[in-house]
Amino acid sequence: MTGLALIFGAVVGLSLGLTGGGGAIFAVPLLVYGLAVPAREAVGVSLAAVGATAFVGFLHRLRVREVELRTGMLFAVAGMLGAPLGAQLSELIPDALLLSLFAGLMGIVATRLWRQAGRSACGVNTCPTKDQASGPTCQRDETGTLVLTSRCAVLLVLVGVATGVLSGLFGVGGGFVIVPALVLFSGMAIHRAVGTSLMVITLVSASGVATHVWSGRDIPVAVTALFVVGGVAGMFAGQALGRRLSGPRLQRTFAVAMLLVAVFIITRNVIA
């Protein structure tokens, strides 16, 4: 079990390091189907392990200046407010319906990310998109700095709250929503969006763990520690691999990973 926990943690860390999200989406199925951890406990382990692993990755990205602190904090605060609401909703909505909606959302976001990657050429600090000129997205000045208008702030807060709700519902850090939102709505380059996402995941996961513990649910320390050790190793491998990929290629990688997980969720849901 120790070896499997380390390997599964490395898979989660690899996803976080490479794409800035998707770690917890892999963590919960691996814990439940690979290590036979009860679903309720798997949510807590996922939140704690993904949050700790993301924190290590965030510190590295911060050092190389691939984190937008202001934008990230806006997302994180909103997400921390949404996490308790998601935890409460999870008790009211049938699991099958939740998972189906979850997979559907992933498919929609992945499709849009794939199409956007084919249209845009990303720079170091900004990734202009067609939607910026025609849709309700945030704007950036000539230096690549986000122009945080009231309309932009409301949009980012709403997405942040949605991320927090998803965290509480499914035990995810929300990176699969955060990264596409930062790229599509704020015009952020994919590599910087990955770093900023790790910061948000750290804080939102901490909020989710606090809610989990407050509700009286257990978090197995041994399994969590093994997941973190494997996750940190996978995190650095993912970051090294991500630097070899261009922005559009990394976006497509992220989109394909999301679609594969969505198909897996739907398949398991149908079989169940």
C-alpha atoms as a PDB file:
ATOM      1  CA  MET A   1       0.000   0.000   0.000  1.00  0.00           C
ATOM      2  CA  THR A   2       2.902   2.334   0.771  1.00  0.00           C
ATOM      3  CA  GLY A   3       4.335   2.009  -2.731  1.00  0.00           C
ATOM      4  CA  LEU A   4       0.971   2.541  -4.393  1.00  0.00           C
ATOM      5  CA  ALA A   5       0.267   5.604  -2.269  1.00  0.00           C
ATOM      6  CA  LEU A   6       3.607   7.129  -3.274  1.00  0.00           C
ATOM      7  CA  ILE A   7       3.013   6.346  -6.962  1.00  0.00           C
ATOM      8  CA  PHE A   8      -0.529   7.699  -6.919  1.00  0.00           C
ATOM      9  CA  GLY A   9       0.679  10.818  -5.121  1.00  0.00           C
ATOM     10  CA  ALA A  10       3.317  11.287  -7.826  1.00  0.00           C
ATOM     11  CA  VAL A  11       0.605  11.107 -10.494  1.00  0.00           C
ATOM     12  CA  VAL A  12      -1.338  13.831  -8.699  1.00  0.00           C
ATOM     13  CA  GLY A  13       1.777  15.978  -8.299  1.00  0.00           C
ATOM     14  CA  LEU A  14       2.722  15.497 -11.958  1.00  0.00           C
ATOM     15  CA  SER A  15      -0.688  16.815 -12.999  1.00  0.00           C
ATOM     16  CA  LEU A  16      -0.413  19.817 -10.678  1.00  0.00           C
ATOM     17  CA  GLY A  17       3.112  20.668 -11.806  1.00  0.00           C
ATOM     18  CA  LEU A  18       2.322  20.290 -15.486  1.00  0.00           C
ATOM     19  CA  THR A  19      -1.076  21.968 -15.721  1.00  0.00           C
ATOM     20  CA  GLY A  20      -1.706  23.709 -12.382  1.00  0.00           C
ATOM     21  CA  GLY A  21      -4.841  21.646 -11.858  1.00  0.00           C
ATOM     22  CA  GLY A  22      -6.464  18.281 -12.220  1.00  0.00           C
ATOM     23  CA  GLY A  23      -4.563  16.801  -9.285  1.00  0.00           C
ATOM     24  CA  ALA A  24      -7.538  16.184  -7.040  1.00  0.00           C
ATOM     25  CA  ILE A  25      -9.603  14.971  -9.979  1.00  0.00           C
ATOM     26  CA  PHE A  26      -7.115  12.101 -10.190  1.00  0.00           C
ATOM     27  CA  ALA A  27      -6.624  11.832  -6.424  1.00  0.00           C
ATOM     28  CA  VAL A  28     -10.158  10.872  -5.427  1.00  0.00           C
ATOM     29  CA  PRO A  29     -10.550   8.041  -8.011  1.00  0.00           C
ATOM     30  CA  LEU A  30      -7.057   6.716  -7.184  1.00  0.00           C
ATOM     31  CA  LEU A  31      -7.799   6.702  -3.458  1.00  0.00           C
ATOM     32  CA  VAL A  32     -11.217   5.107  -3.806  1.00  0.00           C
ATOM     33  CA  TYR A  33     -10.535   2.566  -6.567  1.00  0.00           C
ATOM     34  CA  GLY A  34      -6.789   2.024  -6.062  1.00  0.00           C
ATOM     35  CA  LEU A  35      -6.364   2.105  -2.280  1.00  0.00           C
ATOM     36  CA  ALA A  36      -9.920   1.264  -1.165  1.00  0.00           C
ATOM     37  CA  VAL A  37     -10.182   4.435   0.920  1.00  0.00           C
ATOM     38  CA  PRO A  38     -13.828   5.249   1.780  1.00  0.00           C
ATOM     39  CA  ALA A  39     -15.223   8.036  -0.384  1.00  0.00           C
ATOM     40  CA  ARG A  40     -15.754  10.461   2.499  1.00  0.00           C
ATOM     41  CA  GLU A  41     -12.195   9.986   3.750  1.00  0.00           C
ATOM     42  CA  ALA A  42     -10.838  10.212   0.201  1.00  0.00           C
ATOM     43  CA  VAL A  43     -12.234  13.742  -0.115  1.00  0.00           C
ATOM     44  CA  GLY A  44     -10.352  14.843   3.008  1.00  0.00           C
ATOM     45  CA  VAL A  45      -7.103  13.145   1.979  1.00  0.00           C
ATOM     46  CA  SER A  46      -7.394  14.699  -1.477  1.00  0.00           C
ATOM     47  CA  LEU A  47      -7.874  18.211  -0.122  1.00  0.00           C
ATOM     48  CA  ALA A  48      -4.998  17.940   2.371  1.00  0.00           C
ATOM     49  CA  ALA A  49      -2.509  16.251   0.023  1.00  0.00           C
ATOM     50  CA  VAL A  50      -3.298  18.408  -3.004  1.00  0.00           C
ATOM     51  CA  GLY A  51      -3.167  21.579  -0.910  1.00  0.00           C
ATOM     52  CA  ALA A  52       0.235  20.704   0.581  1.00  0.00           C
ATOM     53  CA  THR A  53       1.667  19.664  -2.792  1.00  0.00           C
ATOM     54  CA  ALA A  54       0.317  22.784  -4.492  1.00  0.00           C
ATOM     55  CA  PHE A  55       1.920  24.945  -1.794  1.00  0.00           C
ATOM     56  CA  VAL A  56       5.368  23.557  -2.612  1.00  0.00           C
ATOM     57  CA  GLY A  57       4.802  24.217  -6.304  1.00  0.00           C
ATOM     58  CA  PHE A  58       3.496  27.707  -5.596  1.00  0.00           C
ATOM     59  CA  LEU A  59       6.666  28.664  -3.704  1.00  0.00           C
ATOM     60  CA  HIS A  60       8.786  27.616  -6.685  1.00  0.00           C
ATOM     61  CA  ARG A  61       6.612  29.500  -9.195  1.00  0.00           C
ATOM     62  CA  LEU A  62       6.651  32.575  -6.951  1.00  0.00           C
ATOM     63  CA  ARG A  63      10.443  32.556  -6.941  1.00  0.00           C
ATOM     64  CA  VAL A  64      10.568  32.584 -10.739  1.00  0.00           C
ATOM     65  CA  ARG A  65       7.845  35.268 -10.899  1.00  0.00           C
ATOM     66  CA  GLU A  66       5.136  33.154 -12.495  1.00  0.00           C
ATOM     67  CA  VAL A  67       2.400  34.118 -10.032  1.00  0.00           C
ATOM     68  CA  GLU A  68       0.001  37.073 -10.156  1.00  0.00           C
ATOM     69  CA  LEU A  69      -0.617  37.633  -6.456  1.00  0.00           C
ATOM     70  CA  ARG A  70      -3.437  40.176  -6.783  1.00  0.00           C
ATOM     71  CA  THR A  71      -5.464  38.103  -9.215  1.00  0.00           C
ATOM     72  CA  GLY A  72      -4.741  34.928  -7.271  1.00  0.00           C
ATOM     73  CA  MET A  73      -5.835  36.419  -3.945  1.00  0.00           C
ATOM     74  CA  LEU A  74      -9.100  37.593  -5.491  1.00  0.00           C
ATOM     75  CA  PHE A  75      -9.796  34.050  -6.672  1.00  0.00           C
ATOM     76  CA  ALA A  76      -8.665  32.497  -3.397  1.00  0.00           C
ATOM     77  CA  VAL A  77     -10.764  34.661  -1.061  1.00  0.00           C
ATOM     78  CA  ALA A  78     -13.854  34.064  -3.177  1.00  0.00           C
ATOM     79  CA  GLY A  79     -13.079  30.347  -3.327  1.00  0.00           C
ATOM     80  CA  MET A  80     -12.646  30.083   0.444  1.00  0.00           C
ATOM     81  CA  LEU A  81     -16.101  31.586   0.856  1.00  0.00           C
ATOM     82  CA  GLY A  82     -17.615  29.109  -1.577  1.00  0.00           C
ATOM     83  CA  ALA A  83     -16.034  25.938  -0.119  1.00  0.00           C
ATOM     84  CA  PRO A  84     -18.321  25.634   2.955  1.00  0.00           C
ATOM     85  CA  LEU A  85     -21.369  26.121   0.717  1.00  0.00           C
ATOM     86  CA  GLY A  86     -20.194  23.314  -1.551  1.00  0.00           C
ATOM     87  CA  ALA A  87     -19.667  21.013   1.439  1.00  0.00           C
ATOM     88  CA  GLN A  88     -23.252  21.614   2.556  1.00  0.00           C
ATOM     89  CA  LEU A  89     -24.666  21.089  -0.943  1.00  0.00           C
ATOM     90  CA  SER A  90     -22.825  17.778  -1.251  1.00  0.00           C
ATOM     91  CA  GLU A  91     -25.108  16.366   1.433  1.00  0.00           C
ATOM     92  CA  LEU A  92     -28.249  17.288  -0.531  1.00  0.00           C
ATOM     93  CA  ILE A  93     -27.490  16.330  -4.157  1.00  0.00           C
ATOM     94  CA  PRO A  94     -27.282  12.673  -5.303  1.00  0.00           C
ATOM     95  CA  ASP A  95     -23.742  11.547  -6.105  1.00  0.00           C
ATOM     96  CA  ALA A  96     -24.649  10.344  -9.597  1.00  0.00           C
ATOM     97  CA  LEU A  97     -26.082  13.741 -10.566  1.00  0.00           C
ATOM     98  CA  LEU A  98     -23.108  15.606  -9.112  1.00  0.00           C
ATOM     99  CA  LEU A  99     -20.597  13.492 -10.989  1.00  0.00           C
ATOM    100  CA  SER A 100     -22.521  13.806 -14.259  1.00  0.00           C
ATOM    101  CA  LEU A 101     -22.643  17.602 -13.973  1.00  0.00           C
ATOM    102  CA  PHE A 102     -18.974  17.635 -13.019  1.00  0.00           C
ATOM    103  CA  ALA A 103     -17.967  15.627 -16.089  1.00  0.00           C
ATOM    104  CA  GLY A 104     -20.149  17.770 -18.361  1.00  0.00           C
ATOM    105  CA  LEU A 105     -18.546  20.983 -17.114  1.00  0.00           C
ATOM    106  CA  MET A 106     -15.082  19.533 -17.676  1.00  0.00           C
ATOM    107  CA  GLY A 107     -15.990  18.619 -21.246  1.00  0.00           C
ATOM    108  CA  ILE A 108     -17.259  22.119 -22.040  1.00  0.00           C
ATOM    109  CA  VAL A 109     -14.219  23.866 -20.552  1.00  0.00           C
ATOM    110  CA  ALA A 110     -11.782  21.445 -22.232  1.00  0.00           C
ATOM    111  CA  THR A 111     -13.372  22.011 -25.639  1.00  0.00           C
ATOM    112  CA  ARG A 112     -13.152  25.788 -25.317  1.00  0.00           C
ATOM    113  CA  LEU A 113      -9.544  25.619 -24.126  1.00  0.00           C
ATOM    114  CA  TRP A 114      -8.570  23.444 -27.105  1.00  0.00           C
ATOM    115  CA  ARG A 115     -10.153  25.864 -29.569  1.00  0.00           C
ATOM    116  CA  GLN A 116      -8.615  28.907 -27.887  1.00  0.00           C
ATOM    117  CA  ALA A 117      -5.144  27.299 -27.978  1.00  0.00           C
ATOM    118  CA  GLY A 118      -5.416  27.036 -31.744  1.00  0.00           C
ATOM    119  CA  ARG A 119      -6.196  30.740 -32.147  1.00  0.00           C
ATOM    120  CA  SER A 120      -3.726  32.394 -29.796  1.00  0.00           C
ATOM    121  CA  ALA A 121       0.011  32.793 -29.512  1.00  0.00           C
ATOM    122  CA  CYS A 122       0.908  33.431 -25.879  1.00  0.00           C
ATOM    123  CA  GLY A 123       3.637  35.699 -24.634  1.00  0.00           C
ATOM    124  CA  VAL A 124       5.420  35.583 -21.296  1.00  0.00           C
ATOM    125  CA  ASN A 125       2.936  37.635 -19.299  1.00  0.00           C
ATOM    126  CA  THR A 126      -0.211  37.811 -21.355  1.00  0.00           C
ATOM    127  CA  CYS A 127      -2.234  35.679 -23.730  1.00  0.00           C
ATOM    128  CA  PRO A 128      -4.663  37.810 -25.715  1.00  0.00           C
ATOM    129  CA  THR A 129      -7.710  35.993 -27.018  1.00  0.00           C
ATOM    130  CA  LYS A 130     -10.433  36.672 -29.491  1.00  0.00           C
ATOM    131  CA  ASP A 131     -12.924  36.670 -26.628  1.00  0.00           C
ATOM    132  CA  GLN A 132     -11.247  39.670 -25.018  1.00  0.00           C
ATOM    133  CA  ALA A 133     -12.411  41.910 -27.783  1.00  0.00           C
ATOM    134  CA  SER A 134     -15.930  40.515 -28.074  1.00  0.00           C
ATOM    135  CA  GLY A 135     -16.902  39.064 -24.684  1.00  0.00           C
ATOM    136  CA  PRO A 136     -17.222  40.124 -21.044  1.00  0.00           C
ATOM    137  CA  THR A 137     -13.553  39.487 -20.230  1.00  0.00           C
ATOM    138  CA  CYS A 138     -10.920  41.437 -18.337  1.00  0.00           C
ATOM    139  CA  GLN A 139      -8.370  43.589 -20.152  1.00  0.00           C
ATOM    140  CA  ARG A 140      -4.625  44.151 -19.787  1.00  0.00           C
ATOM    141  CA  ASP A 141      -2.528  47.228 -20.455  1.00  0.00           C
ATOM    142  CA  GLU A 142       0.497  47.407 -22.749  1.00  0.00           C
ATOM    143  CA  THR A 143       2.790  46.024 -19.997  1.00  0.00           C
ATOM    144  CA  GLY A 144       0.600  42.931 -19.498  1.00  0.00           C
ATOM    145  CA  THR A 145      -0.807  44.117 -16.151  1.00  0.00           C
ATOM    146  CA  LEU A 146      -4.429  43.237 -15.472  1.00  0.00           C
ATOM    147  CA  VAL A 147      -6.775  46.245 -15.485  1.00  0.00           C
ATOM    148  CA  LEU A 148      -8.989  45.352 -12.540  1.00  0.00           C
ATOM    149  CA  THR A 149     -12.218  47.199 -13.315  1.00  0.00           C
ATOM    150  CA  SER A 150     -15.353  46.589 -11.252  1.00  0.00           C
ATOM    151  CA  ARG A 151     -16.789  44.441 -14.034  1.00  0.00           C
ATOM    152  CA  CYS A 152     -13.619  42.363 -14.192  1.00  0.00           C
ATOM    153  CA  ALA A 153     -13.496  41.979 -10.402  1.00  0.00           C
ATOM    154  CA  VAL A 154     -17.108  40.765 -10.259  1.00  0.00           C
ATOM    155  CA  LEU A 155     -16.431  38.226 -13.003  1.00  0.00           C
ATOM    156  CA  LEU A 156     -13.335  36.833 -11.276  1.00  0.00           C
ATOM    157  CA  VAL A 157     -15.067  36.719  -7.885  1.00  0.00           C
ATOM    158  CA  LEU A 158     -17.980  34.760  -9.355  1.00  0.00           C
ATOM    159  CA  VAL A 159     -15.595  32.233 -10.917  1.00  0.00           C
ATOM    160  CA  GLY A 160     -13.688  32.070  -7.626  1.00  0.00           C
ATOM    161  CA  VAL A 161     -16.853  31.312  -5.653  1.00  0.00           C
ATOM    162  CA  ALA A 162     -17.756  28.619  -8.185  1.00  0.00           C
ATOM    163  CA  THR A 163     -14.283  27.135  -7.704  1.00  0.00           C
ATOM    164  CA  GLY A 164     -14.795  27.045  -3.942  1.00  0.00           C
ATOM    165  CA  VAL A 165     -18.185  25.394  -4.309  1.00  0.00           C
ATOM    166  CA  LEU A 166     -16.645  22.712  -6.514  1.00  0.00           C
ATOM    167  CA  SER A 167     -13.912  22.200  -3.925  1.00  0.00           C
ATOM    168  CA  GLY A 168     -16.470  21.554  -1.223  1.00  0.00           C
ATOM    169  CA  LEU A 169     -18.607  19.350  -3.447  1.00  0.00           C
ATOM    170  CA  PHE A 170     -15.964  17.068  -4.902  1.00  0.00           C
ATOM    171  CA  GLY A 171     -12.837  17.481  -2.772  1.00  0.00           C
ATOM    172  CA  VAL A 172     -10.970  19.175  -5.627  1.00  0.00           C
ATOM    173  CA  GLY A 173      -8.663  22.171  -5.532  1.00  0.00           C
ATOM    174  CA  GLY A 174     -10.436  23.697  -8.520  1.00  0.00           C
ATOM    175  CA  GLY A 175      -7.410  24.011 -10.791  1.00  0.00           C
ATOM    176  CA  PHE A 176      -9.309  22.582 -13.744  1.00  0.00           C
ATOM    177  CA  VAL A 177     -11.594  25.642 -13.470  1.00  0.00           C
ATOM    178  CA  ILE A 178      -9.017  28.209 -12.321  1.00  0.00           C
ATOM    179  CA  VAL A 179      -6.485  27.714 -15.126  1.00  0.00           C
ATOM    180  CA  PRO A 180      -9.006  27.944 -17.996  1.00  0.00           C
ATOM    181  CA  ALA A 181     -10.706  30.912 -16.303  1.00  0.00           C
ATOM    182  CA  LEU A 182      -7.433  32.807 -15.914  1.00  0.00           C
ATOM    183  CA  VAL A 183      -6.502  32.137 -19.540  1.00  0.00           C
ATOM    184  CA  LEU A 184      -9.917  32.752 -21.091  1.00  0.00           C
ATOM    185  CA  PHE A 185     -11.218  35.593 -18.909  1.00  0.00           C
ATOM    186  CA  SER A 186      -8.145  37.476 -17.669  1.00  0.00           C
ATOM    187  CA  GLY A 187      -5.882  37.006 -20.719  1.00  0.00           C
ATOM    188  CA  MET A 188      -3.151  35.412 -18.610  1.00  0.00           C
ATOM    189  CA  ALA A 189      -0.445  33.275 -20.226  1.00  0.00           C
ATOM    190  CA  ILE A 190      -0.852  29.561 -19.544  1.00  0.00           C
ATOM    191  CA  HIS A 191       2.444  29.170 -17.642  1.00  0.00           C
ATOM    192  CA  ARG A 192       1.628  32.088 -15.344  1.00  0.00           C
ATOM    193  CA  ALA A 193      -1.927  30.796 -14.948  1.00  0.00           C
ATOM    194  CA  VAL A 194      -0.489  27.483 -13.729  1.00  0.00           C
ATOM    195  CA  GLY A 195       1.564  29.235 -11.037  1.00  0.00           C
ATOM    196  CA  THR A 196      -1.321  31.439  -9.936  1.00  0.00           C
ATOM    197  CA  SER A 197      -3.613  28.414  -9.846  1.00  0.00           C
ATOM    198  CA  LEU A 198      -1.273  26.637  -7.425  1.00  0.00           C
ATOM    199  CA  MET A 199      -1.564  29.567  -5.019  1.00  0.00           C
ATOM    200  CA  VAL A 200      -5.360  29.508  -5.204  1.00  0.00           C
ATOM    201  CA  ILE A 201      -5.495  25.714  -4.810  1.00  0.00           C
ATOM    202  CA  THR A 202      -3.365  25.957  -1.658  1.00  0.00           C
ATOM    203  CA  LEU A 203      -5.726  28.405   0.041  1.00  0.00           C
ATOM    204  CA  VAL A 204      -8.991  26.889  -1.187  1.00  0.00           C
ATOM    205  CA  SER A 205      -7.840  23.398  -0.179  1.00  0.00           C
ATOM    206  CA  ALA A 206      -6.965  24.696   3.292  1.00  0.00           C
ATOM    207  CA  SER A 207     -10.490  26.053   3.595  1.00  0.00           C
ATOM    208  CA  GLY A 208     -11.892  22.717   2.434  1.00  0.00           C
ATOM    209  CA  VAL A 209      -9.799  20.773   4.956  1.00  0.00           C
ATOM    210  CA  ALA A 210     -10.975  23.063   7.772  1.00  0.00           C
ATOM    211  CA  THR A 211     -14.591  22.497   6.736  1.00  0.00           C
ATOM    212  CA  HIS A 212     -13.976  18.754   6.495  1.00  0.00           C
ATOM    213  CA  VAL A 213     -12.481  18.559   9.990  1.00  0.00           C
ATOM    214  CA  TRP A 214     -15.139  20.860  11.440  1.00  0.00           C
ATOM    215  CA  SER A 215     -17.787  18.442  10.142  1.00  0.00           C
ATOM    216  CA  GLY A 216     -16.199  15.646  12.172  1.00  0.00           C
ATOM    217  CA  ARG A 217     -14.791  13.657   9.252  1.00  0.00           C
ATOM    218  CA  ASP A 218     -11.486  11.801   9.591  1.00  0.00           C
ATOM    219  CA  ILE A 219      -8.391  12.401   7.474  1.00  0.00           C
ATOM    220  CA  PRO A 220      -5.994   9.402   7.601  1.00  0.00           C
ATOM    221  CA  VAL A 221      -2.594  10.902   8.395  1.00  0.00           C
ATOM    222  CA  ALA A 222      -0.434   8.051   7.042  1.00  0.00           C
ATOM    223  CA  VAL A 223      -2.034   7.917   3.593  1.00  0.00           C
ATOM    224  CA  THR A 224      -2.061  11.705   3.371  1.00  0.00           C
ATOM    225  CA  ALA A 225       1.654  11.939   4.227  1.00  0.00           C
ATOM    226  CA  LEU A 226       2.566   9.342   1.587  1.00  0.00           C
ATOM    227  CA  PHE A 227       0.486  11.178  -1.004  1.00  0.00           C
ATOM    228  CA  VAL A 228       2.263  14.435  -0.171  1.00  0.00           C
ATOM    229  CA  VAL A 229       5.745  12.882  -0.467  1.00  0.00           C
ATOM    230  CA  GLY A 230       4.914  11.344  -3.829  1.00  0.00           C
ATOM    231  CA  GLY A 231       3.105  14.502  -4.885  1.00  0.00           C
ATOM    232  CA  VAL A 232       6.071  16.790  -4.256  1.00  0.00           C
ATOM    233  CA  ALA A 233       8.320  14.545  -6.368  1.00  0.00           C
ATOM    234  CA  GLY A 234       5.738  14.478  -9.140  1.00  0.00           C
ATOM    235  CA  MET A 235       5.261  18.234  -8.866  1.00  0.00           C
ATOM    236  CA  PHE A 236       8.886  19.021  -9.740  1.00  0.00           C
ATOM    237  CA  ALA A 237       8.840  16.486 -12.588  1.00  0.00           C
ATOM    238  CA  GLY A 238       5.688  18.103 -13.968  1.00  0.00           C
ATOM    239  CA  GLN A 239       7.126  21.604 -13.755  1.00  0.00           C
ATOM    240  CA  ALA A 240      10.280  20.522 -15.574  1.00  0.00           C
ATOM    241  CA  LEU A 241       8.217  18.868 -18.306  1.00  0.00           C
ATOM    242  CA  GLY A 242       5.896  21.860 -18.578  1.00  0.00           C
ATOM    243  CA  ARG A 243       8.780  24.191 -19.370  1.00  0.00           C
ATOM    244  CA  ARG A 244       9.535  22.128 -22.467  1.00  0.00           C
ATOM    245  CA  LEU A 245       6.047  22.687 -23.857  1.00  0.00           C
ATOM    246  CA  SER A 246       4.827  25.836 -25.590  1.00  0.00           C
ATOM    247  CA  GLY A 247       1.768  27.672 -24.252  1.00  0.00           C
ATOM    248  CA  PRO A 248      -0.705  26.321 -26.863  1.00  0.00           C
ATOM    249  CA  ARG A 249       0.650  22.781 -26.549  1.00  0.00           C
ATOM    250  CA  LEU A 250       0.346  22.929 -22.752  1.00  0.00           C
ATOM    251  CA  GLN A 251      -3.247  24.166 -23.103  1.00  0.00           C
ATOM    252  CA  ARG A 252      -4.046  21.238 -25.388  1.00  0.00           C
ATOM    253  CA  THR A 253      -2.409  18.826 -22.927  1.00  0.00           C
ATOM    254  CA  PHE A 254      -4.577  20.245 -20.169  1.00  0.00           C
ATOM    255  CA  ALA A 255      -7.705  19.955 -22.344  1.00  0.00           C
ATOM    256  CA  VAL A 256      -6.995  16.327 -23.291  1.00  0.00           C
ATOM    257  CA  ALA A 257      -6.381  15.390 -19.640  1.00  0.00           C
ATOM    258  CA  MET A 258      -9.697  16.972 -18.655  1.00  0.00           C
ATOM    259  CA  LEU A 259     -11.589  15.122 -21.387  1.00  0.00           C
ATOM    260  CA  LEU A 260     -10.040  11.777 -20.402  1.00  0.00           C
ATOM    261  CA  VAL A 261     -11.012  12.254 -16.762  1.00  0.00           C
ATOM    262  CA  ALA A 262     -14.531  13.321 -17.790  1.00  0.00           C
ATOM    263  CA  VAL A 263     -14.911  10.136 -19.861  1.00  0.00           C
ATOM    264  CA  PHE A 264     -13.624   8.070 -16.927  1.00  0.00           C
ATOM    265  CA  ILE A 265     -16.123   9.660 -14.534  1.00  0.00           C
ATOM    266  CA  ILE A 266     -19.042   9.126 -16.909  1.00  0.00           C
ATOM    267  CA  THR A 267     -18.001   5.505 -17.537  1.00  0.00           C
ATOM    268  CA  ARG A 268     -17.744   4.725 -13.838  1.00  0.00           C
ATOM    269  CA  ASN A 269     -21.056   6.458 -13.230  1.00  0.00           C
ATOM    270  CA  VAL A 270     -22.814   4.410 -15.912  1.00  0.00           C
ATOM    271  CA  ILE A 271     -21.313   1.142 -14.661  1.00  0.00           C
ATOM    272  CA  ALA A 272     -22.332   1.953 -11.088  1.00  0.00           C
END
